[in-house]
Amino acid sequence: MNNSAISNLNNSPKNKKWKQIWQLGNKHLVVIDESIIQKLGINDDLITFVEQDLTDEGILMRVRRLN
């Protein structure tokens, strides 16, 4: 994804920057906005993962798809 696409995602009126983290047992869940799901082309036909990296500023997550 190029920088302009990322900028468009960040500036989307539907994009809410703050997301609550939900605890389910010993796991934690964050809900991604539907507008982001659509723009990234994530759907039920693809196996999709999120790669997580801890940075000085927080957590960075990258979408990874398996074909």
Protein backbone atom coordinates (compact mmCIF):
# COMPACT_ATOMS: atom_id res chain seq x y z
CA MET A 1 0.00 0.00 0.00
CA ASN A 2 1.41 3.38 -0.92
CA ASN A 3 1.61 6.47 1.31
CA SER A 4 -1.38 8.18 -0.32
CA ALA A 5 -3.56 5.12 0.33
CA ILE A 6 -2.46 5.12 3.96
CA SER A 7 -3.17 8.85 4.19
CA ASN A 8 -6.66 8.26 2.75
CA LEU A 9 -7.28 5.54 5.38
CA ASN A 10 -6.11 7.83 8.18
CA ASN A 11 -8.25 10.72 6.97
CA SER A 12 -11.40 8.65 6.40
CA PRO A 13 -14.37 10.08 8.36
CA LYS A 14 -15.30 6.52 9.35
CA ASN A 15 -11.81 5.85 10.71
CA LYS A 16 -11.79 6.25 14.47
CA LYS A 17 -8.28 6.35 15.86
CA TRP A 18 -9.17 5.13 19.35
CA LYS A 19 -10.19 1.49 19.70
CA GLN A 20 -11.03 -0.34 22.88
CA ILE A 21 -9.11 -3.54 23.63
CA TRP A 22 -11.48 -6.33 24.69
CA GLN A 23 -10.27 -9.17 26.90
CA LEU A 24 -11.57 -12.65 26.09
CA GLY A 25 -10.05 -15.04 28.61
CA ASN A 26 -6.28 -14.75 28.20
CA LYS A 27 -6.58 -13.19 24.70
CA HIS A 28 -7.20 -9.58 23.65
CA LEU A 29 -9.25 -8.33 20.70
CA VAL A 30 -9.31 -5.04 18.77
CA VAL A 31 -12.03 -4.40 16.16
CA ILE A 32 -10.93 -2.95 12.80
CA ASP A 33 -13.24 -0.50 11.00
CA GLU A 34 -15.12 -1.98 8.04
CA SER A 35 -13.87 0.86 5.82
CA ILE A 36 -10.27 -0.28 6.44
CA ILE A 37 -11.19 -3.93 5.80
CA GLN A 38 -12.73 -2.94 2.45
CA LYS A 39 -9.82 -0.71 1.39
CA LEU A 40 -7.29 -3.45 2.21
CA GLY A 41 -9.34 -6.03 0.31
CA ILE A 42 -9.67 -8.40 3.27
CA ASN A 43 -12.46 -10.94 2.84
CA ASP A 44 -13.51 -14.39 4.04
CA ASP A 45 -11.95 -16.08 0.99
CA LEU A 46 -8.42 -15.08 2.04
CA ILE A 47 -6.43 -16.27 5.04
CA THR A 48 -5.33 -13.02 6.69
CA PHE A 49 -2.95 -12.50 9.60
CA VAL A 50 -1.62 -9.46 11.41
CA GLU A 51 2.11 -9.27 12.10
CA GLN A 52 2.77 -7.46 15.39
CA ASP A 53 5.86 -5.46 16.33
CA LEU A 54 6.46 -3.61 19.59
CA THR A 55 7.95 -0.16 18.98
CA ASP A 56 8.88 2.77 21.21
CA GLU A 57 5.57 4.38 20.21
CA GLY A 58 3.33 1.32 20.76
CA ILE A 59 2.30 -1.65 18.66
CA LEU A 60 2.69 -1.70 14.88
CA MET A 61 0.49 -4.21 13.04
CA ARG A 62 0.92 -5.20 9.39
CA VAL A 63 -1.67 -7.15 7.44
CA ARG A 64 -0.30 -10.32 5.81
CA ARG A 65 -2.39 -12.45 3.46
CA LEU A 66 -1.81 -16.04 2.42
CA ASN A 67 -2.93 -17.05 -1.07
